[in-house]
Protein backbone atom coordinates (compact mmCIF):
# COMPACT_ATOMS: atom_id res chain seq x y z
CA UNK A 1 0.00 0.00 0.00
CA UNK A 2 1.20 3.48 -0.87
CA UNK A 3 -0.15 6.66 0.68
CA UNK A 4 0.79 10.04 -0.78
CA UNK A 5 -0.09 13.38 0.80
CA UNK A 6 0.40 16.65 -1.04
CA UNK A 7 0.06 20.12 0.42
CA UNK A 8 -1.37 22.21 -2.41
CA UNK A 9 0.81 25.14 -1.33
CA UNK A 10 3.80 23.13 -2.59
CA UNK A 11 2.47 22.83 -6.15
CA UNK A 12 4.93 24.61 -8.44
CA UNK A 13 4.41 26.14 -11.87
CA UNK A 14 6.42 23.23 -13.27
CA UNK A 15 4.05 20.71 -11.68
CA UNK A 16 1.10 22.59 -13.15
CA UNK A 17 2.77 22.56 -16.55
CA UNK A 18 3.30 18.77 -16.37
CA UNK A 19 -0.36 18.19 -15.48
CA UNK A 20 -1.45 20.54 -18.29
CA UNK A 21 0.70 18.62 -20.76
CA UNK A 22 0.02 15.06 -19.60
CA UNK A 23 -3.57 15.38 -18.33
CA UNK A 24 -5.03 18.25 -20.38
CA UNK A 25 -8.67 17.48 -19.56
CA UNK A 26 -7.94 17.50 -15.82
CA UNK A 27 -5.99 20.72 -16.19
CA UNK A 28 -8.83 22.33 -18.18
CA UNK A 29 -11.25 21.21 -15.48
CA UNK A 30 -9.02 22.77 -12.82
CA UNK A 31 -9.19 26.10 -14.63
CA UNK A 32 -13.00 26.20 -14.46
CA UNK A 33 -13.03 26.46 -10.66
CA UNK A 34 -13.66 29.94 -9.28
CA UNK A 35 -11.59 29.24 -6.17
CA UNK A 36 -7.81 29.07 -6.55
CA UNK A 37 -7.68 26.39 -3.85
CA UNK A 38 -10.23 24.23 -5.70
CA UNK A 39 -8.13 24.59 -8.85
CA UNK A 40 -4.96 23.57 -7.00
CA UNK A 41 -6.68 20.56 -5.40
CA UNK A 42 -7.75 19.37 -8.87
CA UNK A 43 -4.20 19.83 -10.17
CA UNK A 44 -2.85 18.13 -7.03
CA UNK A 45 -4.85 14.99 -7.85
CA UNK A 46 -3.16 15.02 -11.27
CA UNK A 47 0.28 15.43 -9.68
CA UNK A 48 -0.31 12.41 -7.43
CA UNK A 49 -1.78 10.29 -10.24
CA UNK A 50 1.34 10.91 -12.32
CA UNK A 51 3.50 9.99 -9.34
CA UNK A 52 1.78 6.60 -8.99
CA UNK A 53 1.32 6.02 -12.72
CA UNK A 54 4.33 7.66 -14.44
CA UNK A 55 3.19 6.54 -17.91
CA UNK A 56 -0.45 7.51 -17.38
CA UNK A 57 -2.38 8.87 -20.33
CA UNK A 58 -5.68 10.60 -19.75
CA UNK A 59 -7.43 7.93 -21.82
CA UNK A 60 -6.26 5.35 -19.23
CA UNK A 61 -8.47 6.94 -16.55
CA UNK A 62 -11.96 5.43 -16.30
CA UNK A 63 -14.84 5.86 -13.84
CA UNK A 64 -17.22 3.24 -12.52
CA UNK A 65 -21.00 3.75 -12.40
CA UNK A 66 -20.62 5.65 -9.12
CA UNK A 67 -17.87 7.95 -10.37
CA UNK A 68 -14.88 6.17 -8.78
CA UNK A 69 -11.71 6.66 -10.83
CA UNK A 70 -9.69 3.63 -11.88
CA UNK A 71 -7.01 2.59 -14.35
CA UNK A 72 -7.65 -0.66 -16.21
CA UNK A 73 -5.05 -3.31 -15.41
CA UNK A 74 -3.45 -0.96 -12.89
CA UNK A 75 -3.22 -0.53 -9.16
CA UNK A 76 -6.43 0.20 -7.29
CA UNK A 77 -6.39 3.76 -5.99
CA UNK A 78 -8.57 6.39 -4.38
CA UNK A 79 -8.21 10.13 -3.81
CA UNK A 80 -9.56 12.67 -1.37
CA UNK A 81 -8.95 16.32 -0.63
CA UNK A 82 -9.81 18.87 2.01
CA UNK A 83 -8.42 22.31 2.75
CA UNK A 84 -4.71 22.38 1.93
CA UNK A 85 -4.28 18.64 1.31
CA UNK A 86 -4.79 16.14 -1.46
CA UNK A 87 -4.24 12.45 -0.64
CA UNK A 88 -3.98 9.36 -2.82
CA UNK A 89 -3.79 5.78 -1.65
CA UNK A 90 -2.88 2.90 -3.99
CA UNK A 91 -2.92 -0.84 -3.44
CA UNK A 92 -3.27 -4.09 -5.35
CA UNK A 93 -6.80 -4.50 -3.90
CA UNK A 94 -9.74 -2.10 -3.52
CA UNK A 95 -8.90 0.80 -1.23
CA UNK A 96 -10.54 4.01 -0.05
CA UNK A 97 -9.31 7.20 1.58
CA UNK A 98 -10.90 10.25 3.11
CA UNK A 99 -9.37 13.36 4.64
CA UNK A 100 -11.30 16.11 6.42
CA UNK A 101 -10.16 19.25 8.19
CA UNK A 102 -11.03 18.99 11.89
CA UNK A 103 -13.17 22.01 12.64
CA UNK A 104 -16.25 23.03 14.54
CA UNK A 105 -19.36 22.34 12.54
CA UNK A 106 -23.02 21.61 12.96
CA UNK A 107 -22.83 18.13 14.42
CA UNK A 108 -26.60 17.54 14.09
CA UNK A 109 -25.83 15.59 10.90
CA UNK A 110 -24.48 12.84 13.19
CA UNK A 111 -28.01 11.62 13.91
CA UNK A 112 -28.51 11.03 10.18
CA UNK A 113 -25.23 9.24 9.42
CA UNK A 114 -24.14 7.49 12.63
CA UNK A 115 -25.63 4.56 14.53
CA UNK A 116 -26.79 5.03 18.13
CA UNK A 117 -23.64 3.26 19.37
CA UNK A 118 -21.43 5.54 17.27
CA UNK A 119 -23.17 8.65 18.61
CA UNK A 120 -22.64 7.47 22.19
CA UNK A 121 -18.93 6.87 21.47
CA UNK A 122 -18.63 10.21 19.67
CA UNK A 123 -20.08 12.18 22.59
CA UNK A 124 -16.92 11.57 24.69
CA UNK A 125 -14.91 13.79 22.29
CA UNK A 126 -17.31 15.22 19.72
CA UNK A 127 -14.83 17.16 17.61
CA UNK A 128 -12.26 14.41 16.98
CA UNK A 129 -14.53 11.40 17.10
CA UNK A 130 -17.05 12.92 14.69
CA UNK A 131 -14.31 13.25 12.06
CA UNK A 132 -12.92 9.79 12.86
CA UNK A 133 -16.30 8.18 12.24
CA UNK A 134 -17.06 10.35 9.21
CA UNK A 135 -13.76 9.64 7.43
CA UNK A 136 -13.97 5.93 8.24
CA UNK A 137 -17.42 5.66 6.69
CA UNK A 138 -16.39 7.73 3.67
CA UNK A 139 -13.22 5.68 3.09
CA UNK A 140 -15.21 2.43 3.41
CA UNK A 141 -17.89 3.32 0.84
CA UNK A 142 -15.18 4.68 -1.45
CA UNK A 143 -13.19 1.43 -1.13
CA UNK A 144 -16.28 -0.62 -1.91
CA UNK A 145 -16.85 1.68 -4.89
CA UNK A 146 -20.48 2.44 -4.17
CA UNK A 147 -20.10 6.03 -3.00
CA UNK A 148 -22.78 7.37 -0.70
CA UNK A 149 -25.57 5.38 -2.32
CA UNK A 150 -26.41 3.60 0.93
CA UNK A 151 -27.62 5.21 4.16
CA UNK A 152 -24.47 5.74 6.23
CA UNK A 153 -26.35 5.06 9.47
CA UNK A 154 -26.88 1.48 8.24
CA UNK A 155 -23.12 0.83 8.49
CA UNK A 156 -21.42 0.59 11.88
CA UNK A 157 -17.69 1.28 11.92
CA UNK A 158 -17.36 0.74 15.68
CA UNK A 159 -15.12 -2.34 15.26
CA UNK A 160 -12.55 -0.05 13.61
CA UNK A 161 -12.16 1.78 16.94
CA UNK A 162 -10.66 -1.45 18.35
CA UNK A 163 -8.64 -2.11 15.17
CA UNK A 164 -10.97 -4.96 14.22
CA UNK A 165 -12.30 -5.58 10.71
CA UNK A 166 -15.92 -5.35 9.65
CA UNK A 167 -17.76 -7.29 6.98
CA UNK A 168 -19.50 -5.11 4.46
CA UNK A 169 -20.85 -5.92 1.02
CA UNK A 170 -19.57 -9.50 1.32
CA UNK A 171 -15.96 -8.59 2.07
CA UNK A 172 -13.84 -8.02 5.17
CA UNK A 173 -12.53 -4.46 5.59
CA UNK A 174 -9.88 -2.90 7.80
CA UNK A 175 -9.39 0.78 8.56
CA UNK A 176 -6.74 3.00 10.08
CA UNK A 177 -7.32 6.61 11.10
CA UNK A 178 -4.72 9.19 12.07
CA UNK A 179 -4.74 12.88 12.83
CA UNK A 180 -2.41 14.74 10.47
CA UNK A 181 -1.70 18.45 10.94
CA UNK A 182 -5.26 19.30 12.00
CA UNK A 183 -6.93 16.87 9.59
CA UNK A 184 -8.41 13.43 10.14
CA UNK A 185 -7.23 10.85 7.61
CA UNK A 186 -8.72 7.36 7.23
CA UNK A 187 -7.71 4.57 4.86
CA UNK A 188 -9.86 1.48 4.34
CA UNK A 189 -8.63 -1.73 2.66
CA UNK A 190 -9.28 -5.47 2.48
CA UNK A 191 -6.22 -6.17 4.66
CA UNK A 192 -4.72 -4.54 7.76
CA UNK A 193 -3.73 -0.97 6.90
CA UNK A 194 -0.15 0.19 7.42
CA UNK A 195 1.20 3.49 6.16
C-alpha atoms as a PDB file:
ATOM      1  CA  UNK A   1       0.000   0.000   0.000  1.00  0.00           C
ATOM      2  CA  UNK A   2       1.199   3.476  -0.873  1.00  0.00           C
ATOM      3  CA  UNK A   3      -0.152   6.657   0.680  1.00  0.00           C
ATOM      4  CA  UNK A   4       0.791  10.039  -0.775  1.00  0.00           C
ATOM      5  CA  UNK A   5      -0.089  13.379   0.804  1.00  0.00           C
ATOM      6  CA  UNK A   6       0.401  16.653  -1.043  1.00  0.00           C
ATOM      7  CA  UNK A   7       0.063  20.124   0.424  1.00  0.00           C
ATOM      8  CA  UNK A   8      -1.368  22.210  -2.409  1.00  0.00           C
ATOM      9  CA  UNK A   9       0.810  25.139  -1.329  1.00  0.00           C
ATOM     10  CA  UNK A  10       3.801  23.129  -2.585  1.00  0.00           C
ATOM     11  CA  UNK A  11       2.468  22.832  -6.146  1.00  0.00           C
ATOM     12  CA  UNK A  12       4.928  24.612  -8.438  1.00  0.00           C
ATOM     13  CA  UNK A  13       4.406  26.138 -11.875  1.00  0.00           C
ATOM     14  CA  UNK A  14       6.422  23.232 -13.271  1.00  0.00           C
ATOM     15  CA  UNK A  15       4.051  20.709 -11.681  1.00  0.00           C
ATOM     16  CA  UNK A  16       1.102  22.585 -13.147  1.00  0.00           C
ATOM     17  CA  UNK A  17       2.769  22.559 -16.551  1.00  0.00           C
ATOM     18  CA  UNK A  18       3.302  18.767 -16.374  1.00  0.00           C
ATOM     19  CA  UNK A  19      -0.361  18.194 -15.480  1.00  0.00           C
ATOM     20  CA  UNK A  20      -1.455  20.544 -18.290  1.00  0.00           C
ATOM     21  CA  UNK A  21       0.703  18.623 -20.758  1.00  0.00           C
ATOM     22  CA  UNK A  22       0.020  15.065 -19.605  1.00  0.00           C
ATOM     23  CA  UNK A  23      -3.572  15.381 -18.330  1.00  0.00           C
ATOM     24  CA  UNK A  24      -5.030  18.251 -20.379  1.00  0.00           C
ATOM     25  CA  UNK A  25      -8.675  17.478 -19.557  1.00  0.00           C
ATOM     26  CA  UNK A  26      -7.937  17.498 -15.815  1.00  0.00           C
ATOM     27  CA  UNK A  27      -5.992  20.722 -16.191  1.00  0.00           C
ATOM     28  CA  UNK A  28      -8.827  22.327 -18.183  1.00  0.00           C
ATOM     29  CA  UNK A  29     -11.249  21.206 -15.477  1.00  0.00           C
ATOM     30  CA  UNK A  30      -9.016  22.774 -12.816  1.00  0.00           C
ATOM     31  CA  UNK A  31      -9.190  26.101 -14.627  1.00  0.00           C
ATOM     32  CA  UNK A  32     -13.002  26.197 -14.464  1.00  0.00           C
ATOM     33  CA  UNK A  33     -13.028  26.465 -10.662  1.00  0.00           C
ATOM     34  CA  UNK A  34     -13.658  29.944  -9.277  1.00  0.00           C
ATOM     35  CA  UNK A  35     -11.585  29.241  -6.165  1.00  0.00           C
ATOM     36  CA  UNK A  36      -7.813  29.070  -6.551  1.00  0.00           C
ATOM     37  CA  UNK A  37      -7.678  26.391  -3.854  1.00  0.00           C
ATOM     38  CA  UNK A  38     -10.230  24.228  -5.701  1.00  0.00           C
ATOM     39  CA  UNK A  39      -8.132  24.593  -8.845  1.00  0.00           C
ATOM     40  CA  UNK A  40      -4.957  23.571  -6.996  1.00  0.00           C
ATOM     41  CA  UNK A  41      -6.685  20.562  -5.399  1.00  0.00           C
ATOM     42  CA  UNK A  42      -7.748  19.370  -8.868  1.00  0.00           C
ATOM     43  CA  UNK A  43      -4.203  19.832 -10.170  1.00  0.00           C
ATOM     44  CA  UNK A  44      -2.853  18.135  -7.034  1.00  0.00           C
ATOM     45  CA  UNK A  45      -4.845  14.994  -7.852  1.00  0.00           C
ATOM     46  CA  UNK A  46      -3.162  15.024 -11.268  1.00  0.00           C
ATOM     47  CA  UNK A  47       0.276  15.430  -9.683  1.00  0.00           C
ATOM     48  CA  UNK A  48      -0.306  12.410  -7.425  1.00  0.00           C
ATOM     49  CA  UNK A  49      -1.778  10.293 -10.236  1.00  0.00           C
ATOM     50  CA  UNK A  50       1.338  10.911 -12.319  1.00  0.00           C
ATOM     51  CA  UNK A  51       3.502   9.994  -9.340  1.00  0.00           C
ATOM     52  CA  UNK A  52       1.784   6.599  -8.986  1.00  0.00           C
ATOM     53  CA  UNK A  53       1.317   6.018 -12.720  1.00  0.00           C
ATOM     54  CA  UNK A  54       4.330   7.659 -14.440  1.00  0.00           C
ATOM     55  CA  UNK A  55       3.188   6.536 -17.915  1.00  0.00           C
ATOM     56  CA  UNK A  56      -0.448   7.514 -17.379  1.00  0.00           C
ATOM     57  CA  UNK A  57      -2.375   8.875 -20.331  1.00  0.00           C
ATOM     58  CA  UNK A  58      -5.677  10.605 -19.749  1.00  0.00           C
ATOM     59  CA  UNK A  59      -7.431   7.932 -21.823  1.00  0.00           C
ATOM     60  CA  UNK A  60      -6.259   5.350 -19.228  1.00  0.00           C
ATOM     61  CA  UNK A  61      -8.474   6.935 -16.554  1.00  0.00           C
ATOM     62  CA  UNK A  62     -11.964   5.433 -16.295  1.00  0.00           C
ATOM     63  CA  UNK A  63     -14.842   5.856 -13.841  1.00  0.00           C
ATOM     64  CA  UNK A  64     -17.222   3.241 -12.522  1.00  0.00           C
ATOM     65  CA  UNK A  65     -21.000   3.754 -12.400  1.00  0.00           C
ATOM     66  CA  UNK A  66     -20.621   5.647  -9.116  1.00  0.00           C
ATOM     67  CA  UNK A  67     -17.867   7.950 -10.372  1.00  0.00           C
ATOM     68  CA  UNK A  68     -14.880   6.169  -8.779  1.00  0.00           C
ATOM     69  CA  UNK A  69     -11.714   6.665 -10.834  1.00  0.00           C
ATOM     70  CA  UNK A  70      -9.692   3.625 -11.884  1.00  0.00           C
ATOM     71  CA  UNK A  71      -7.013   2.592 -14.349  1.00  0.00           C
ATOM     72  CA  UNK A  72      -7.655  -0.658 -16.212  1.00  0.00           C
ATOM     73  CA  UNK A  73      -5.052  -3.312 -15.408  1.00  0.00           C
ATOM     74  CA  UNK A  74      -3.451  -0.961 -12.888  1.00  0.00           C
ATOM     75  CA  UNK A  75      -3.222  -0.532  -9.160  1.00  0.00           C
ATOM     76  CA  UNK A  76      -6.426   0.200  -7.290  1.00  0.00           C
ATOM     77  CA  UNK A  77      -6.394   3.760  -5.986  1.00  0.00           C
ATOM     78  CA  UNK A  78      -8.565   6.394  -4.384  1.00  0.00           C
ATOM     79  CA  UNK A  79      -8.206  10.126  -3.808  1.00  0.00           C
ATOM     80  CA  UNK A  80      -9.559  12.667  -1.370  1.00  0.00           C
ATOM     81  CA  UNK A  81      -8.950  16.323  -0.633  1.00  0.00           C
ATOM     82  CA  UNK A  82      -9.809  18.868   2.012  1.00  0.00           C
ATOM     83  CA  UNK A  83      -8.423  22.305   2.750  1.00  0.00           C
ATOM     84  CA  UNK A  84      -4.712  22.377   1.926  1.00  0.00           C
ATOM     85  CA  UNK A  85      -4.278  18.643   1.311  1.00  0.00           C
ATOM     86  CA  UNK A  86      -4.786  16.136  -1.460  1.00  0.00           C
ATOM     87  CA  UNK A  87      -4.243  12.447  -0.641  1.00  0.00           C
ATOM     88  CA  UNK A  88      -3.975   9.364  -2.822  1.00  0.00           C
ATOM     89  CA  UNK A  89      -3.788   5.781  -1.649  1.00  0.00           C
ATOM     90  CA  UNK A  90      -2.884   2.903  -3.993  1.00  0.00           C
ATOM     91  CA  UNK A  91      -2.925  -0.839  -3.437  1.00  0.00           C
ATOM     92  CA  UNK A  92      -3.270  -4.093  -5.347  1.00  0.00           C
ATOM     93  CA  UNK A  93      -6.797  -4.501  -3.899  1.00  0.00           C
ATOM     94  CA  UNK A  94      -9.739  -2.102  -3.516  1.00  0.00           C
ATOM     95  CA  UNK A  95      -8.897   0.801  -1.234  1.00  0.00           C
ATOM     96  CA  UNK A  96     -10.541   4.009  -0.055  1.00  0.00           C
ATOM     97  CA  UNK A  97      -9.308   7.199   1.584  1.00  0.00           C
ATOM     98  CA  UNK A  98     -10.901  10.254   3.112  1.00  0.00           C
ATOM     99  CA  UNK A  99      -9.371  13.364   4.643  1.00  0.00           C
ATOM    100  CA  UNK A 100     -11.302  16.110   6.419  1.00  0.00           C
ATOM    101  CA  UNK A 101     -10.156  19.249   8.189  1.00  0.00           C
ATOM    102  CA  UNK A 102     -11.031  18.992  11.891  1.00  0.00           C
ATOM    103  CA  UNK A 103     -13.171  22.013  12.638  1.00  0.00           C
ATOM    104  CA  UNK A 104     -16.252  23.029  14.537  1.00  0.00           C
ATOM    105  CA  UNK A 105     -19.362  22.341  12.540  1.00  0.00           C
ATOM    106  CA  UNK A 106     -23.025  21.613  12.958  1.00  0.00           C
ATOM    107  CA  UNK A 107     -22.834  18.133  14.417  1.00  0.00           C
ATOM    108  CA  UNK A 108     -26.599  17.538  14.085  1.00  0.00           C
ATOM    109  CA  UNK A 109     -25.835  15.591  10.901  1.00  0.00           C
ATOM    110  CA  UNK A 110     -24.477  12.842  13.189  1.00  0.00           C
ATOM    111  CA  UNK A 111     -28.009  11.615  13.913  1.00  0.00           C
ATOM    112  CA  UNK A 112     -28.513  11.030  10.184  1.00  0.00           C
ATOM    113  CA  UNK A 113     -25.234   9.239   9.416  1.00  0.00           C
ATOM    114  CA  UNK A 114     -24.135   7.488  12.631  1.00  0.00           C
ATOM    115  CA  UNK A 115     -25.633   4.564  14.533  1.00  0.00           C
ATOM    116  CA  UNK A 116     -26.786   5.033  18.132  1.00  0.00           C
ATOM    117  CA  UNK A 117     -23.640   3.259  19.366  1.00  0.00           C
ATOM    118  CA  UNK A 118     -21.425   5.536  17.267  1.00  0.00           C
ATOM    119  CA  UNK A 119     -23.167   8.650  18.608  1.00  0.00           C
ATOM    120  CA  UNK A 120     -22.641   7.474  22.191  1.00  0.00           C
ATOM    121  CA  UNK A 121     -18.932   6.873  21.467  1.00  0.00           C
ATOM    122  CA  UNK A 122     -18.630  10.212  19.666  1.00  0.00           C
ATOM    123  CA  UNK A 123     -20.076  12.177  22.593  1.00  0.00           C
ATOM    124  CA  UNK A 124     -16.923  11.573  24.692  1.00  0.00           C
ATOM    125  CA  UNK A 125     -14.906  13.789  22.291  1.00  0.00           C
ATOM    126  CA  UNK A 126     -17.312  15.216  19.715  1.00  0.00           C
ATOM    127  CA  UNK A 127     -14.830  17.159  17.610  1.00  0.00           C
ATOM    128  CA  UNK A 128     -12.261  14.413  16.975  1.00  0.00           C
ATOM    129  CA  UNK A 129     -14.528  11.398  17.098  1.00  0.00           C
ATOM    130  CA  UNK A 130     -17.048  12.915  14.687  1.00  0.00           C
ATOM    131  CA  UNK A 131     -14.312  13.246  12.058  1.00  0.00           C
ATOM    132  CA  UNK A 132     -12.922   9.792  12.861  1.00  0.00           C
ATOM    133  CA  UNK A 133     -16.302   8.178  12.238  1.00  0.00           C
ATOM    134  CA  UNK A 134     -17.056  10.352   9.212  1.00  0.00           C
ATOM    135  CA  UNK A 135     -13.758   9.641   7.432  1.00  0.00           C
ATOM    136  CA  UNK A 136     -13.970   5.931   8.243  1.00  0.00           C
ATOM    137  CA  UNK A 137     -17.418   5.658   6.685  1.00  0.00           C
ATOM    138  CA  UNK A 138     -16.386   7.725   3.668  1.00  0.00           C
ATOM    139  CA  UNK A 139     -13.222   5.684   3.094  1.00  0.00           C
ATOM    140  CA  UNK A 140     -15.215   2.433   3.408  1.00  0.00           C
ATOM    141  CA  UNK A 141     -17.888   3.324   0.844  1.00  0.00           C
ATOM    142  CA  UNK A 142     -15.177   4.683  -1.455  1.00  0.00           C
ATOM    143  CA  UNK A 143     -13.186   1.430  -1.135  1.00  0.00           C
ATOM    144  CA  UNK A 144     -16.276  -0.621  -1.912  1.00  0.00           C
ATOM    145  CA  UNK A 145     -16.850   1.679  -4.885  1.00  0.00           C
ATOM    146  CA  UNK A 146     -20.483   2.444  -4.166  1.00  0.00           C
ATOM    147  CA  UNK A 147     -20.103   6.033  -3.002  1.00  0.00           C
ATOM    148  CA  UNK A 148     -22.779   7.371  -0.703  1.00  0.00           C
ATOM    149  CA  UNK A 149     -25.565   5.385  -2.323  1.00  0.00           C
ATOM    150  CA  UNK A 150     -26.406   3.595   0.931  1.00  0.00           C
ATOM    151  CA  UNK A 151     -27.615   5.205   4.156  1.00  0.00           C
ATOM    152  CA  UNK A 152     -24.468   5.741   6.230  1.00  0.00           C
ATOM    153  CA  UNK A 153     -26.350   5.063   9.468  1.00  0.00           C
ATOM    154  CA  UNK A 154     -26.883   1.482   8.242  1.00  0.00           C
ATOM    155  CA  UNK A 155     -23.122   0.832   8.492  1.00  0.00           C
ATOM    156  CA  UNK A 156     -21.421   0.589  11.880  1.00  0.00           C
ATOM    157  CA  UNK A 157     -17.690   1.278  11.924  1.00  0.00           C
ATOM    158  CA  UNK A 158     -17.365   0.743  15.677  1.00  0.00           C
ATOM    159  CA  UNK A 159     -15.115  -2.345  15.257  1.00  0.00           C
ATOM    160  CA  UNK A 160     -12.547  -0.053  13.607  1.00  0.00           C
ATOM    161  CA  UNK A 161     -12.164   1.778  16.943  1.00  0.00           C
ATOM    162  CA  UNK A 162     -10.661  -1.451  18.346  1.00  0.00           C
ATOM    163  CA  UNK A 163      -8.641  -2.109  15.168  1.00  0.00           C
ATOM    164  CA  UNK A 164     -10.967  -4.964  14.220  1.00  0.00           C
ATOM    165  CA  UNK A 165     -12.303  -5.581  10.715  1.00  0.00           C
ATOM    166  CA  UNK A 166     -15.921  -5.348   9.648  1.00  0.00           C
ATOM    167  CA  UNK A 167     -17.757  -7.292   6.981  1.00  0.00           C
ATOM    168  CA  UNK A 168     -19.503  -5.111   4.456  1.00  0.00           C
ATOM    169  CA  UNK A 169     -20.849  -5.918   1.016  1.00  0.00           C
ATOM    170  CA  UNK A 170     -19.574  -9.497   1.316  1.00  0.00           C
ATOM    171  CA  UNK A 171     -15.955  -8.589   2.074  1.00  0.00           C
ATOM    172  CA  UNK A 172     -13.842  -8.021   5.168  1.00  0.00           C
ATOM    173  CA  UNK A 173     -12.534  -4.461   5.587  1.00  0.00           C
ATOM    174  CA  UNK A 174      -9.880  -2.898   7.799  1.00  0.00           C
ATOM    175  CA  UNK A 175      -9.387   0.784   8.556  1.00  0.00           C
ATOM    176  CA  UNK A 176      -6.745   3.001  10.082  1.00  0.00           C
ATOM    177  CA  UNK A 177      -7.321   6.610  11.102  1.00  0.00           C
ATOM    178  CA  UNK A 178      -4.724   9.190  12.074  1.00  0.00           C
ATOM    179  CA  UNK A 179      -4.739  12.879  12.832  1.00  0.00           C
ATOM    180  CA  UNK A 180      -2.408  14.735  10.475  1.00  0.00           C
ATOM    181  CA  UNK A 181      -1.703  18.448  10.944  1.00  0.00           C
ATOM    182  CA  UNK A 182      -5.263  19.303  12.002  1.00  0.00           C
ATOM    183  CA  UNK A 183      -6.925  16.874   9.592  1.00  0.00           C
ATOM    184  CA  UNK A 184      -8.411  13.426  10.140  1.00  0.00           C
ATOM    185  CA  UNK A 185      -7.233  10.850   7.605  1.00  0.00           C
ATOM    186  CA  UNK A 186      -8.725   7.363   7.232  1.00  0.00           C
ATOM    187  CA  UNK A 187      -7.715   4.572   4.863  1.00  0.00           C
ATOM    188  CA  UNK A 188      -9.856   1.479   4.341  1.00  0.00           C
ATOM    189  CA  UNK A 189      -8.633  -1.730   2.658  1.00  0.00           C
ATOM    190  CA  UNK A 190      -9.281  -5.472   2.480  1.00  0.00           C
ATOM    191  CA  UNK A 191      -6.225  -6.166   4.660  1.00  0.00           C
ATOM    192  CA  UNK A 192      -4.716  -4.537   7.763  1.00  0.00           C
ATOM    193  CA  UNK A 193      -3.733  -0.972   6.903  1.00  0.00           C
ATOM    194  CA  UNK A 194      -0.145   0.191   7.418  1.00  0.00           C
ATOM    195  CA  UNK A 195       1.200   3.489   6.157  1.00  0.00           C
END
